[in-house]
Protein backbone atom coordinates (compact mmCIF):
# COMPACT_ATOMS: atom_id res chain seq x y z
CA SER A 1 -12.76 0.52 -2.41
CA SER A 2 -14.52 -0.02 -5.69
CA ALA A 3 -11.21 0.30 -7.88
CA VAL A 4 -9.61 -2.60 -5.72
CA GLU A 5 -12.44 -4.86 -6.20
CA ILE A 6 -11.82 -4.23 -9.96
CA LEU A 7 -8.21 -4.77 -10.00
CA ASP A 8 -9.29 -8.28 -8.69
CA VAL A 9 -6.29 -8.80 -6.74
CA GLN A 10 -5.51 -12.98 -6.06
CA GLU A 11 -3.25 -14.40 -3.63
CA GLY A 12 0.64 -14.34 -4.76
CA GLU A 13 0.62 -11.63 -7.11
CA TRP A 14 3.13 -8.59 -7.19
CA VAL A 15 0.78 -5.48 -6.86
CA LEU A 16 2.02 -1.54 -7.26
CA ASP A 17 -0.01 1.27 -5.74
CA LEU A 18 1.30 3.85 -7.57
CA CYS A 19 -0.35 7.01 -5.46
CA ALA A 20 -1.12 5.04 -2.50
CA ALA A 21 -1.35 7.83 0.36
CA PRO A 22 -3.30 7.90 2.81
CA GLY A 23 -3.18 4.07 2.34
CA GLY A 24 -6.86 3.00 2.45
CA LYS A 25 -6.69 1.08 -0.98
CA SER A 26 -3.17 -0.11 -0.14
CA THR A 27 -4.51 -1.99 3.34
CA GLN A 28 -7.40 -3.46 1.21
CA ILE A 29 -4.82 -4.68 -1.40
CA ALA A 30 -2.91 -6.16 1.33
CA ALA A 31 -5.84 -8.31 3.04
CA LYS A 32 -6.68 -9.71 -0.50
CA LEU A 33 -2.99 -10.75 -0.65
CA LYS A 34 -2.79 -12.49 2.85
CA HIS A 35 0.74 -12.18 3.40
CA THR A 36 1.46 -13.70 -0.12
CA GLY A 37 3.25 -12.27 -3.25
CA PHE A 38 4.46 -8.38 -2.72
CA LEU A 39 2.69 -5.19 -2.32
CA LEU A 40 5.00 -2.04 -3.37
CA SER A 41 2.96 1.42 -2.01
CA ASN A 42 4.28 4.82 -3.16
CA GLU A 43 3.52 8.21 -2.28
CA ILE A 44 5.47 11.01 -4.20
CA ASP A 45 4.76 13.77 -1.45
CA VAL A 46 6.90 13.36 1.52
CA GLY A 47 4.18 14.34 3.97
CA ARG A 48 1.60 12.21 2.72
CA ALA A 49 4.01 9.33 2.50
CA SER A 50 4.53 9.76 6.11
CA VAL A 51 0.67 9.17 6.83
CA LEU A 52 1.09 6.16 4.33
CA LEU A 53 3.31 4.53 6.47
CA SER A 54 1.64 5.26 9.54
CA ASN A 55 -1.62 3.80 8.42
CA MET A 56 0.13 0.75 7.10
CA GLU A 57 1.89 0.01 10.03
CA ARG A 58 -1.15 0.66 12.64
CA LEU A 59 -3.04 -1.94 10.29
CA GLY A 60 -0.39 -4.75 10.56
CA VAL A 61 0.55 -4.60 6.82
CA GLY A 62 4.29 -6.07 6.91
CA GLU A 63 4.92 -8.33 3.52
CA ASN A 64 5.43 -5.10 1.31
CA MET A 65 7.72 -2.06 0.48
CA ILE A 66 6.40 1.91 1.01
CA THR A 67 8.43 3.85 -0.95
CA CYS A 68 8.46 7.84 -1.42
CA ALA A 69 9.63 8.06 -5.26
CA LYS A 70 8.91 9.46 -8.57
CA PRO A 71 6.43 7.29 -10.82
CA GLU A 72 8.77 7.08 -13.70
CA GLU A 73 11.64 6.31 -11.82
CA LEU A 74 10.25 3.68 -9.63
CA CYS A 75 8.38 1.75 -12.59
CA LYS A 76 11.94 1.97 -14.58
CA ALA A 77 13.63 -0.17 -11.55
CA LEU A 78 11.13 -2.35 -11.60
CA GLN A 79 10.08 -2.81 -15.12
CA GLY A 80 7.90 -5.60 -16.04
CA HIS A 81 7.65 -7.20 -12.85
CA PHE A 82 3.63 -6.20 -11.71
CA ASP A 83 0.83 -8.42 -12.48
CA LYS A 84 -1.41 -5.65 -11.24
CA VAL A 85 -1.21 -1.89 -10.96
CA LEU A 86 -3.51 0.61 -9.51
CA VAL A 87 -3.21 4.55 -10.37
CA ASP A 88 -5.68 6.34 -8.08
CA ALA A 89 -4.68 9.32 -9.75
CA PRO A 90 -4.51 12.88 -8.24
CA CYS A 91 -7.42 14.80 -9.95
CA SER A 92 -9.15 18.11 -9.52
CA GLY A 93 -11.64 16.61 -7.09
CA GLU A 94 -14.88 17.52 -8.22
CA GLY A 95 -16.15 14.26 -6.46
CA MET A 96 -15.22 15.94 -3.03
CA PHE A 97 -16.99 19.69 -3.60
CA LYS A 98 -19.61 18.25 -1.42
CA LYS A 99 -17.31 17.28 1.69
CA HIS A 100 -14.73 20.31 1.30
CA ASP A 101 -15.17 23.76 0.41
CA SER A 102 -11.62 23.89 -0.27
CA ALA A 103 -11.91 21.51 -3.24
CA MET A 104 -14.12 23.79 -5.15
CA GLU A 105 -12.22 26.68 -3.70
CA GLY A 106 -9.02 25.40 -5.61
CA TRP A 107 -11.05 24.47 -9.09
CA SER A 108 -10.44 25.74 -12.41
CA GLU A 109 -10.25 24.87 -15.83
CA GLU A 110 -6.57 25.33 -16.14
CA HIS A 111 -6.18 22.87 -12.93
CA VAL A 112 -8.40 20.25 -14.79
CA ASN A 113 -6.19 20.27 -17.71
CA ALA A 114 -2.96 20.07 -15.94
CA CYS A 115 -4.42 16.84 -13.88
CA ARG A 116 -5.20 15.52 -17.25
CA TYR A 117 -1.61 15.77 -18.64
CA ARG A 118 -0.10 14.76 -14.93
CA GLN A 119 -2.47 11.56 -14.98
CA LEU A 120 -1.27 10.61 -18.58
CA HIS A 121 2.52 10.76 -17.41
CA ILE A 122 1.83 8.42 -14.39
CA LEU A 123 -0.02 6.15 -16.56
CA GLU A 124 2.91 6.25 -19.06
CA SER A 125 4.91 4.93 -15.88
CA ALA A 126 2.59 2.26 -14.88
CA TYR A 127 2.51 0.63 -18.19
CA LYS A 128 6.28 0.17 -17.88
CA ALA A 129 5.82 -1.41 -14.50
CA LEU A 130 3.37 -4.33 -16.04
CA LYS A 131 4.29 -7.66 -17.21
CA GLN A 132 2.71 -9.38 -20.17
CA ASP A 133 -1.14 -9.69 -19.37
CA GLY A 134 -0.93 -7.43 -16.20
CA ILE A 135 -3.68 -5.37 -15.01
CA LEU A 136 -3.69 -1.65 -14.86
CA VAL A 137 -6.74 -0.06 -13.13
CA TYR A 138 -7.12 3.71 -13.34
CA SER A 139 -9.36 5.76 -11.13
CA THR A 140 -10.34 9.37 -9.85
CA CYS A 141 -12.55 11.21 -7.66
CA THR A 142 -13.86 13.53 -10.34
CA TYR A 143 -16.67 14.29 -12.93
CA ALA A 144 -14.52 15.71 -15.55
CA VAL A 145 -14.66 13.78 -18.86
CA GLU A 146 -11.32 15.40 -19.35
CA GLU A 147 -9.52 13.56 -16.63
CA ASN A 148 -11.54 10.42 -17.11
CA GLU A 149 -12.74 8.97 -20.44
CA GLN A 150 -10.51 11.25 -22.57
CA VAL A 151 -7.43 10.20 -20.46
CA VAL A 152 -8.40 6.62 -20.89
CA TYR A 153 -8.80 7.38 -24.61
CA GLU A 154 -5.40 9.20 -25.16
CA PHE A 155 -3.79 6.22 -23.35
CA LEU A 156 -5.10 3.45 -25.42
CA LYS A 157 -4.23 5.49 -28.61
CA THR A 158 -0.70 5.75 -28.17
CA HIS A 159 -0.33 2.34 -26.43
CA PRO A 160 -2.20 -0.19 -29.19
CA ASP A 161 -0.76 -3.04 -27.09
CA MET A 162 -3.22 -2.04 -23.93
CA GLU A 163 -6.79 -3.04 -24.24
CA LEU A 164 -10.03 -1.89 -22.08
CA VAL A 165 -11.56 -4.54 -20.64
CA ASP A 166 -15.05 -4.89 -19.27
CA SER A 167 -14.69 -4.17 -15.39
CA ARG A 168 -18.08 -6.13 -15.31
CA ALA A 169 -18.88 -4.38 -12.06
CA SER A 170 -22.42 -4.88 -10.66
CA PHE A 171 -22.28 -1.17 -9.09
CA GLY A 172 -22.33 2.18 -10.51
CA ARG A 173 -23.10 2.84 -14.69
CA GLY A 174 -21.36 3.52 -17.71
CA GLY A 175 -19.33 6.07 -18.76
CA PHE A 176 -19.92 9.47 -20.80
CA ALA A 177 -19.92 9.06 -24.58
CA TYR A 178 -16.31 9.98 -25.95
CA GLU A 179 -15.08 9.25 -29.55
CA ASP A 180 -15.37 5.28 -30.20
CA LEU A 181 -14.52 4.30 -26.28
CA PRO A 182 -16.84 1.29 -25.33
CA VAL A 183 -18.08 3.47 -22.34
CA SER A 184 -19.99 0.44 -21.27
CA TYR A 185 -16.68 -0.99 -20.31
CA VAL A 186 -15.80 1.73 -17.29
CA ARG A 187 -17.51 2.75 -14.19
CA ARG A 188 -18.82 5.91 -13.04
CA ILE A 189 -19.92 5.88 -9.29
CA PHE A 190 -22.51 9.28 -8.73
CA PRO A 191 -23.88 10.11 -5.56
CA MET A 192 -26.99 8.56 -6.27
CA ASP A 193 -25.09 5.45 -6.89
CA ARG A 194 -23.83 5.52 -3.03
CA GLY A 195 -20.49 7.06 -4.46
CA GLU A 196 -18.87 10.61 -4.52
CA GLY A 197 -17.95 10.92 -8.35
CA HIS A 198 -15.75 7.95 -8.95
CA PHE A 199 -14.40 7.09 -12.05
CA ILE A 200 -12.79 3.68 -12.98
CA ALA A 201 -11.16 1.81 -15.89
CA LYS A 202 -9.55 -1.48 -16.00
CA MET A 203 -6.93 -2.27 -18.76
CA ARG A 204 -4.87 -5.04 -19.74
CA ARG A 205 -1.30 -5.18 -21.25
CA ILE A 206 -1.15 -7.31 -24.39
CA SER A 207 2.74 -7.25 -25.02
CA ALA A 208 5.85 -8.70 -23.87
CA ASN A 209 7.81 -6.44 -21.58
CA GLU A 210 11.27 -6.54 -20.81
CA GLN A 211 12.24 -7.01 -17.04
CA ALA A 212 14.13 -5.18 -15.01
CA LYS A 213 17.19 -7.24 -12.79
CA LEU A 214 16.16 -7.27 -9.25
CA VAL A 215 18.93 -6.92 -6.92
CA TYR A 216 18.55 -8.43 -3.16
CA GLU A 217 20.01 -7.18 0.13
CA LYS A 218 22.89 -9.52 1.00
CA GLU A 219 21.95 -10.80 4.70
CA LYS A 220 24.43 -10.29 7.49
CA LYS A 221 24.75 -12.36 10.80
CA LEU A 222 22.35 -11.06 13.28
CA PRO A 223 23.49 -9.75 16.74
CA ASN A 224 23.08 -12.21 19.45
CA CYS A 225 20.82 -10.05 21.18
CA VAL A 226 18.44 -9.90 18.25
CA ILE A 227 18.16 -13.91 17.84
CA SER A 228 17.73 -13.85 21.72
CA PHE A 229 14.72 -11.77 21.47
CA PHE A 230 13.25 -13.55 18.47
CA GLN A 231 13.93 -16.89 20.33
CA GLU A 232 11.89 -15.56 23.73
CA GLN A 233 9.06 -13.81 21.48
CA LEU A 234 8.34 -16.09 18.40
CA SER A 235 7.72 -19.63 17.67
CA VAL A 236 9.19 -19.43 14.55
CA LEU A 237 11.76 -17.41 13.88
CA PRO A 238 11.77 -15.03 10.89
CA MET A 239 13.06 -16.13 6.78
CA HIS A 240 14.43 -13.17 5.89
CA TRP A 241 16.20 -10.02 7.59
CA MET A 242 18.22 -6.83 7.13
CA MET A 243 19.97 -4.21 9.54
CA ASP A 244 19.78 -0.91 8.29
CA GLU A 245 22.01 1.07 10.44
CA GLN A 246 21.00 -0.17 13.87
CA ARG A 247 17.18 -1.05 12.89
CA VAL A 248 16.18 -4.58 12.34
CA TYR A 249 13.39 -5.38 9.60
CA VAL A 250 12.16 -8.80 8.68
CA ARG A 251 10.31 -10.49 5.80
CA GLN A 252 9.16 -14.14 4.18
CA ALA A 253 10.75 -13.06 1.03
CA PRO A 254 14.59 -11.52 0.40
CA PHE A 255 14.75 -7.75 0.63
CA LEU A 256 15.03 -5.72 -2.39
CA ARG A 257 17.91 -3.29 -3.27
CA LEU A 258 16.45 -0.24 -5.41
CA LYS A 259 19.34 2.14 -6.54
CA ASN A 260 18.13 6.08 -5.85
CA ILE A 261 14.77 5.14 -4.46
CA ARG A 262 13.83 6.57 -1.14
CA ILE A 263 12.55 3.21 0.51
CA LEU A 264 10.11 4.32 3.98
CA ARG A 265 9.90 0.54 5.04
CA GLN A 266 10.47 -2.71 3.74
CA GLY A 267 8.90 -5.93 5.78
CA ILE A 268 8.11 -5.62 9.41
CA ALA A 269 10.04 -2.73 11.60
CA CYS A 270 11.45 -5.36 14.59
CA GLY A 271 13.17 -2.58 16.48
CA GLU A 272 16.52 -1.24 17.28
CA VAL A 273 19.57 -2.40 18.62
CA ARG A 274 21.08 -0.46 21.36
CA GLY A 275 23.74 -1.83 23.08
CA GLN A 276 23.41 -5.76 24.26
CA ARG A 277 19.69 -5.68 23.73
CA LEU A 278 17.05 -5.01 21.02
CA GLU A 279 14.56 -2.15 21.95
CA PRO A 280 11.51 -3.42 19.93
CA HIS A 281 9.31 -1.48 17.51
CA HIS A 282 5.53 -1.11 17.61
CA HIS A 283 5.07 -2.83 14.26
CA PHE A 284 6.65 -5.83 15.45
CA TYR A 285 3.78 -6.36 17.71
CA LEU A 286 1.09 -5.19 15.59
CA SER A 287 2.11 -7.12 12.60
CA ALA A 288 -0.68 -9.12 11.51
CA PHE A 289 1.68 -11.91 9.81
CA LEU A 290 3.66 -12.42 13.11
CA ARG A 291 0.68 -12.03 15.45
CA PRO A 292 0.21 -16.22 15.59
CA TYR A 293 3.95 -16.72 16.48
CA LEU A 294 4.04 -14.48 19.23
CA LYS A 295 4.86 -16.40 22.49
CA SER A 296 3.27 -13.75 25.05
CA THR A 297 0.33 -11.76 24.85
CA THR A 298 -1.72 -10.22 27.59
CA GLU A 299 -5.64 -9.45 27.43
CA LEU A 300 -6.46 -6.19 28.74
CA THR A 301 -10.01 -5.18 30.51
CA LYS A 302 -11.53 -2.03 28.35
CA GLU A 303 -10.42 0.11 31.68
CA GLU A 304 -6.71 -1.49 31.22
CA ALA A 305 -6.70 -0.36 27.62
CA ILE A 306 -7.73 3.04 28.14
CA LEU A 307 -5.02 3.25 30.88
CA PHE A 308 -2.46 1.92 27.99
CA TYR A 309 -3.66 4.18 25.31
CA SER A 310 -3.48 6.89 28.00
CA GLY A 311 0.21 6.10 28.34
CA ASN A 312 -0.03 4.92 32.07
CA VAL A 313 1.73 2.11 33.99
CA LEU A 314 -0.76 -0.77 34.43
CA PRO A 315 -0.88 -2.70 37.54
CA LYS A 316 -1.19 -6.11 36.34
CA GLU A 317 0.95 -9.32 37.12
CA HIS A 318 3.64 -10.29 34.50
CA ARG A 319 6.66 -11.85 34.27
CA LYS A 320 9.66 -10.00 33.47
CA GLY A 321 10.09 -9.22 29.67
CA TYR A 322 8.29 -7.87 26.87
CA THR A 323 4.78 -9.22 25.83
CA ALA A 324 1.76 -8.11 23.06
CA LEU A 325 -1.30 -6.23 24.85
CA THR A 326 -4.39 -7.64 23.44
CA TYR A 327 -8.08 -6.70 23.78
CA HIS A 328 -10.61 -8.87 22.62
CA GLY A 329 -7.82 -10.62 20.99
CA TYR A 330 -6.55 -7.68 18.95
CA VAL A 331 -2.80 -6.56 19.71
CA LEU A 332 -3.11 -2.84 20.76
CA GLY A 333 0.70 -2.53 21.11
CA PHE A 334 3.31 -3.68 23.83
CA GLY A 335 4.47 -3.38 27.27
CA LYS A 336 7.22 -4.72 29.32
CA GLY A 337 6.88 -6.67 32.80
CA ASP A 338 8.97 -5.68 35.61
CA GLY A 339 8.34 -9.29 37.35
């Protein structure tokens, strides 16, 4: 994504993707963080949030949190803690006209104006989440000046402690003239620029911001079956863990507790305790962070991989117990050998 390139994520940073579904930009951010810092991916729509969770899990992202919350409530809970915030805002989607008939059918002037008000509301929340010198990138996939240059202009006018930063992008072109906005700083990517009507603006918060107090989960003792599972499967034990009812999660950093915020996932889902055993979760084996520490991996042929994806039993010699199943070194999931 061009918006993520302009965001310029660095290792160790705290990054908020405020309108994250379906997850393409969040996975790109996670790749740049390289299992460091903290990525919070939020989506207000429950259905889209589930898709976001699925995609983040499938691509092995683990050092992150996925929430389904209103931007204003989430940003208040974590006020002043983020180095970078991405607002890929809901918009009228004019850039999607050539791909989806429904985008054109749902367009109206009233919808454009409604989007503008919603975008300003979301930016107001993002502003609160930024720490001093934090970067805010705003993007849309529409051509409308009302949702692009005008939104940025109005936001900067009401927030004099925010400044528009030159994106210094080598792609696209400058924006449309609007008031005294330095439109050479923003980026528009038209179809002839190999884009789909994208707009991107980069802003920096100059002022200090009061930080919300962070509360962390108290770590309880893990059941013996969980410890045994970790010892059997991993060469290095996880640094931090959390149990939510019978489900076990791990992270490099302590687990955050956010009051009245719906958290869909934090860290890596390892599995669920059932009786005296831990039944592993797909995410444990797909995790890109845990991958180098897995003790047992089993390489599959193409034919075996197809059998696995079809839900069939694999006639393959293996010791008794769980193993990661790989194809050309990439983890596809896990299996259990019967010995």
